[in-house]
Amino acid sequence: MIKLTILLVLVLSPLKSFGKDLICPEPVNGPWDKMKESDFTKESALSQLSELKKVYEMDLEVAPEFIQQSNLIFEGAHLRQEVLNSINEPKYNTHAKKAFCEFMKNRAYLVH
């Protein structure tokens, strides 16, 4: 468990707080379970990490969806940060935006 926590902290530590600027177009009248870009912030990733840590420390039983949702938030936060970190590298930034927007379009839904 300690190794998992350390690994996740190392992965998330470079994440910055994100502004309110959207990277990807938002669907008009999207489905109720569609997540927003603002769900993939450093704060939301660290909050999810804290909740995940409690599960293992307290040996709690959780639904598999909780673990899947945690992974989704970590992945989305990482992809969004890749976009922000590559602003000065146009070629990579284009690739990073494409990957993040594809994630937002196809996978950024609440797990249920």
C-alpha atoms as a PDB file:
ATOM      1  CA  MET A   1       0.000   0.000   0.000  1.00  0.00           C
ATOM      2  CA  ILE A   2       2.799   2.409   0.837  1.00  0.00           C
ATOM      3  CA  LYS A   3       4.394   1.810  -2.559  1.00  0.00           C
ATOM      4  CA  LEU A   4       1.074   2.547  -4.289  1.00  0.00           C
ATOM      5  CA  THR A   5       0.652   5.778  -2.329  1.00  0.00           C
ATOM      6  CA  ILE A   6       4.205   6.913  -3.045  1.00  0.00           C
ATOM      7  CA  LEU A   7       3.823   6.111  -6.744  1.00  0.00           C
ATOM      8  CA  LEU A   8       0.562   8.027  -7.049  1.00  0.00           C
ATOM      9  CA  VAL A   9       1.955  11.011  -5.149  1.00  0.00           C
ATOM     10  CA  LEU A  10       4.995  11.090  -7.437  1.00  0.00           C
ATOM     11  CA  VAL A  11       2.807  10.934 -10.525  1.00  0.00           C
ATOM     12  CA  LEU A  12       0.451  13.622  -9.268  1.00  0.00           C
ATOM     13  CA  SER A  13       2.954  15.925  -7.574  1.00  0.00           C
ATOM     14  CA  PRO A  14       3.829  17.901 -10.712  1.00  0.00           C
ATOM     15  CA  LEU A  15       0.168  18.628 -11.391  1.00  0.00           C
ATOM     16  CA  LYS A  16      -0.700  22.292 -11.156  1.00  0.00           C
ATOM     17  CA  SER A  17      -4.056  23.795 -10.402  1.00  0.00           C
ATOM     18  CA  PHE A  18      -5.855  24.248 -13.664  1.00  0.00           C
ATOM     19  CA  GLY A  19      -7.473  27.402 -14.911  1.00  0.00           C
ATOM     20  CA  LYS A  20     -11.027  27.675 -16.119  1.00  0.00           C
ATOM     21  CA  ASP A  21     -10.044  27.678 -19.793  1.00  0.00           C
ATOM     22  CA  LEU A  22     -11.442  24.689 -21.637  1.00  0.00           C
ATOM     23  CA  ILE A  23      -9.131  22.570 -23.722  1.00  0.00           C
ATOM     24  CA  CYS A  24     -11.862  20.615 -25.489  1.00  0.00           C
ATOM     25  CA  PRO A  25     -15.277  21.626 -26.765  1.00  0.00           C
ATOM     26  CA  GLU A  26     -18.070  20.664 -24.391  1.00  0.00           C
ATOM     27  CA  PRO A  27     -21.132  18.890 -25.756  1.00  0.00           C
ATOM     28  CA  VAL A  28     -24.360  20.834 -25.682  1.00  0.00           C
ATOM     29  CA  ASN A  29     -26.965  19.054 -23.557  1.00  0.00           C
ATOM     30  CA  GLY A  30     -24.588  16.206 -22.781  1.00  0.00           C
ATOM     31  CA  PRO A  31     -25.616  13.121 -20.812  1.00  0.00           C
ATOM     32  CA  TRP A  32     -26.041  13.385 -17.039  1.00  0.00           C
ATOM     33  CA  ASP A  33     -23.034  11.176 -16.352  1.00  0.00           C
ATOM     34  CA  LYS A  34     -20.586  13.182 -18.490  1.00  0.00           C
ATOM     35  CA  MET A  35     -17.682  14.547 -16.460  1.00  0.00           C
ATOM     36  CA  LYS A  36     -16.292  18.059 -16.937  1.00  0.00           C
ATOM     37  CA  GLU A  37     -12.698  19.090 -17.497  1.00  0.00           C
ATOM     38  CA  SER A  38     -12.805  20.673 -14.057  1.00  0.00           C
ATOM     39  CA  ASP A  39     -13.219  17.169 -12.588  1.00  0.00           C
ATOM     40  CA  PHE A  40      -9.625  16.466 -13.579  1.00  0.00           C
ATOM     41  CA  THR A  41      -7.700  18.872 -11.375  1.00  0.00           C
ATOM     42  CA  LYS A  42      -4.796  18.340  -9.023  1.00  0.00           C
ATOM     43  CA  GLU A  43      -7.193  18.839  -6.122  1.00  0.00           C
ATOM     44  CA  SER A  44      -9.680  16.231  -7.357  1.00  0.00           C
ATOM     45  CA  ALA A  45      -6.898  13.738  -8.040  1.00  0.00           C
ATOM     46  CA  LEU A  46      -5.384  14.243  -4.587  1.00  0.00           C
ATOM     47  CA  SER A  47      -8.818  13.991  -2.966  1.00  0.00           C
ATOM     48  CA  GLN A  48      -9.456  10.731  -4.790  1.00  0.00           C
ATOM     49  CA  LEU A  49      -6.025   9.488  -3.708  1.00  0.00           C
ATOM     50  CA  SER A  50      -6.918  10.283  -0.107  1.00  0.00           C
ATOM     51  CA  GLU A  51     -10.147   8.313  -0.371  1.00  0.00           C
ATOM     52  CA  LEU A  52      -8.366   5.408  -2.024  1.00  0.00           C
ATOM     53  CA  LYS A  53      -5.761   5.421   0.724  1.00  0.00           C
ATOM     54  CA  LYS A  54      -8.519   5.140   3.359  1.00  0.00           C
ATOM     55  CA  VAL A  55      -9.891   2.071   1.581  1.00  0.00           C
ATOM     56  CA  TYR A  56      -6.575   0.276   1.963  1.00  0.00           C
ATOM     57  CA  GLU A  57      -5.638   1.574   5.396  1.00  0.00           C
ATOM     58  CA  MET A  58      -8.989   0.660   6.905  1.00  0.00           C
ATOM     59  CA  ASP A  59      -9.368  -2.493   4.801  1.00  0.00           C
ATOM     60  CA  LEU A  60     -12.761  -1.252   3.593  1.00  0.00           C
ATOM     61  CA  GLU A  61     -14.858  -3.088   1.091  1.00  0.00           C
ATOM     62  CA  VAL A  62     -15.797  -0.934  -1.891  1.00  0.00           C
ATOM     63  CA  ALA A  63     -17.530  -1.490  -5.174  1.00  0.00           C
ATOM     64  CA  PRO A  64     -15.249  -2.061  -8.149  1.00  0.00           C
ATOM     65  CA  GLU A  65     -16.683   1.124  -9.653  1.00  0.00           C
ATOM     66  CA  PHE A  66     -14.950   3.176  -6.948  1.00  0.00           C
ATOM     67  CA  ILE A  67     -11.548   1.861  -8.056  1.00  0.00           C
ATOM     68  CA  GLN A  68     -12.422   2.374 -11.720  1.00  0.00           C
ATOM     69  CA  GLN A  69     -13.549   5.958 -11.034  1.00  0.00           C
ATOM     70  CA  SER A  70     -10.309   6.650  -9.145  1.00  0.00           C
ATOM     71  CA  ASN A  71      -8.249   5.413 -12.074  1.00  0.00           C
ATOM     72  CA  LEU A  72     -10.310   7.527 -14.464  1.00  0.00           C
ATOM     73  CA  ILE A  73      -9.673  10.690 -12.440  1.00  0.00           C
ATOM     74  CA  PHE A  74      -5.941   9.993 -12.224  1.00  0.00           C
ATOM     75  CA  GLU A  75      -5.727   9.333 -15.963  1.00  0.00           C
ATOM     76  CA  GLY A  76      -7.731  12.428 -16.900  1.00  0.00           C
ATOM     77  CA  ALA A  77      -5.711  14.671 -14.581  1.00  0.00           C
ATOM     78  CA  HIS A  78      -2.491  13.322 -16.074  1.00  0.00           C
ATOM     79  CA  LEU A  79      -3.650  13.826 -19.674  1.00  0.00           C
ATOM     80  CA  ARG A  80      -4.832  17.353 -18.922  1.00  0.00           C
ATOM     81  CA  GLN A  81      -1.512  18.190 -17.311  1.00  0.00           C
ATOM     82  CA  GLU A  82       0.298  16.904 -20.395  1.00  0.00           C
ATOM     83  CA  VAL A  83      -1.567  19.533 -22.426  1.00  0.00           C
ATOM     84  CA  LEU A  84      -0.669  22.318 -20.026  1.00  0.00           C
ATOM     85  CA  ASN A  85       2.979  21.266 -19.778  1.00  0.00           C
ATOM     86  CA  SER A  86       3.442  21.178 -23.543  1.00  0.00           C
ATOM     87  CA  ILE A  87       2.217  24.676 -24.369  1.00  0.00           C
ATOM     88  CA  ASN A  88       5.687  25.700 -25.569  1.00  0.00           C
ATOM     89  CA  GLU A  89       6.053  22.588 -27.749  1.00  0.00           C
ATOM     90  CA  PRO A  90       3.418  22.979 -30.494  1.00  0.00           C
ATOM     91  CA  LYS A  91       3.891  19.550 -32.071  1.00  0.00           C
ATOM     92  CA  TYR A  92       3.596  17.690 -28.772  1.00  0.00           C
ATOM     93  CA  ASN A  93       0.853  20.034 -27.555  1.00  0.00           C
ATOM     94  CA  THR A  94      -1.289  19.131 -30.559  1.00  0.00           C
ATOM     95  CA  HIS A  95      -0.813  15.435 -29.772  1.00  0.00           C
ATOM     96  CA  ALA A  96      -1.532  15.988 -26.063  1.00  0.00           C
ATOM     97  CA  LYS A  97      -4.714  17.967 -26.806  1.00  0.00           C
ATOM     98  CA  LYS A  98      -5.907  15.264 -29.175  1.00  0.00           C
ATOM     99  CA  ALA A  99      -5.322  12.571 -26.540  1.00  0.00           C
ATOM    100  CA  PHE A 100      -7.063  14.560 -23.811  1.00  0.00           C
ATOM    101  CA  CYS A 101     -10.036  15.535 -25.966  1.00  0.00           C
ATOM    102  CA  GLU A 102     -10.438  11.940 -27.130  1.00  0.00           C
ATOM    103  CA  PHE A 103     -10.400  10.883 -23.473  1.00  0.00           C
ATOM    104  CA  MET A 104     -13.008  13.536 -22.644  1.00  0.00           C
ATOM    105  CA  LYS A 105     -15.222  12.492 -25.532  1.00  0.00           C
ATOM    106  CA  ASN A 106     -15.044   8.727 -25.102  1.00  0.00           C
ATOM    107  CA  ARG A 107     -14.136   7.935 -21.491  1.00  0.00           C
ATOM    108  CA  ALA A 108     -14.879  10.863 -19.165  1.00  0.00           C
ATOM    109  CA  TYR A 109     -18.092   9.474 -17.722  1.00  0.00           C
ATOM    110  CA  LEU A 110     -19.037   8.618 -14.181  1.00  0.00           C
ATOM    111  CA  VAL A 111     -18.532   4.921 -13.585  1.00  0.00           C
ATOM    112  CA  HIS A 112     -21.784   3.171 -12.723  1.00  0.00           C
END
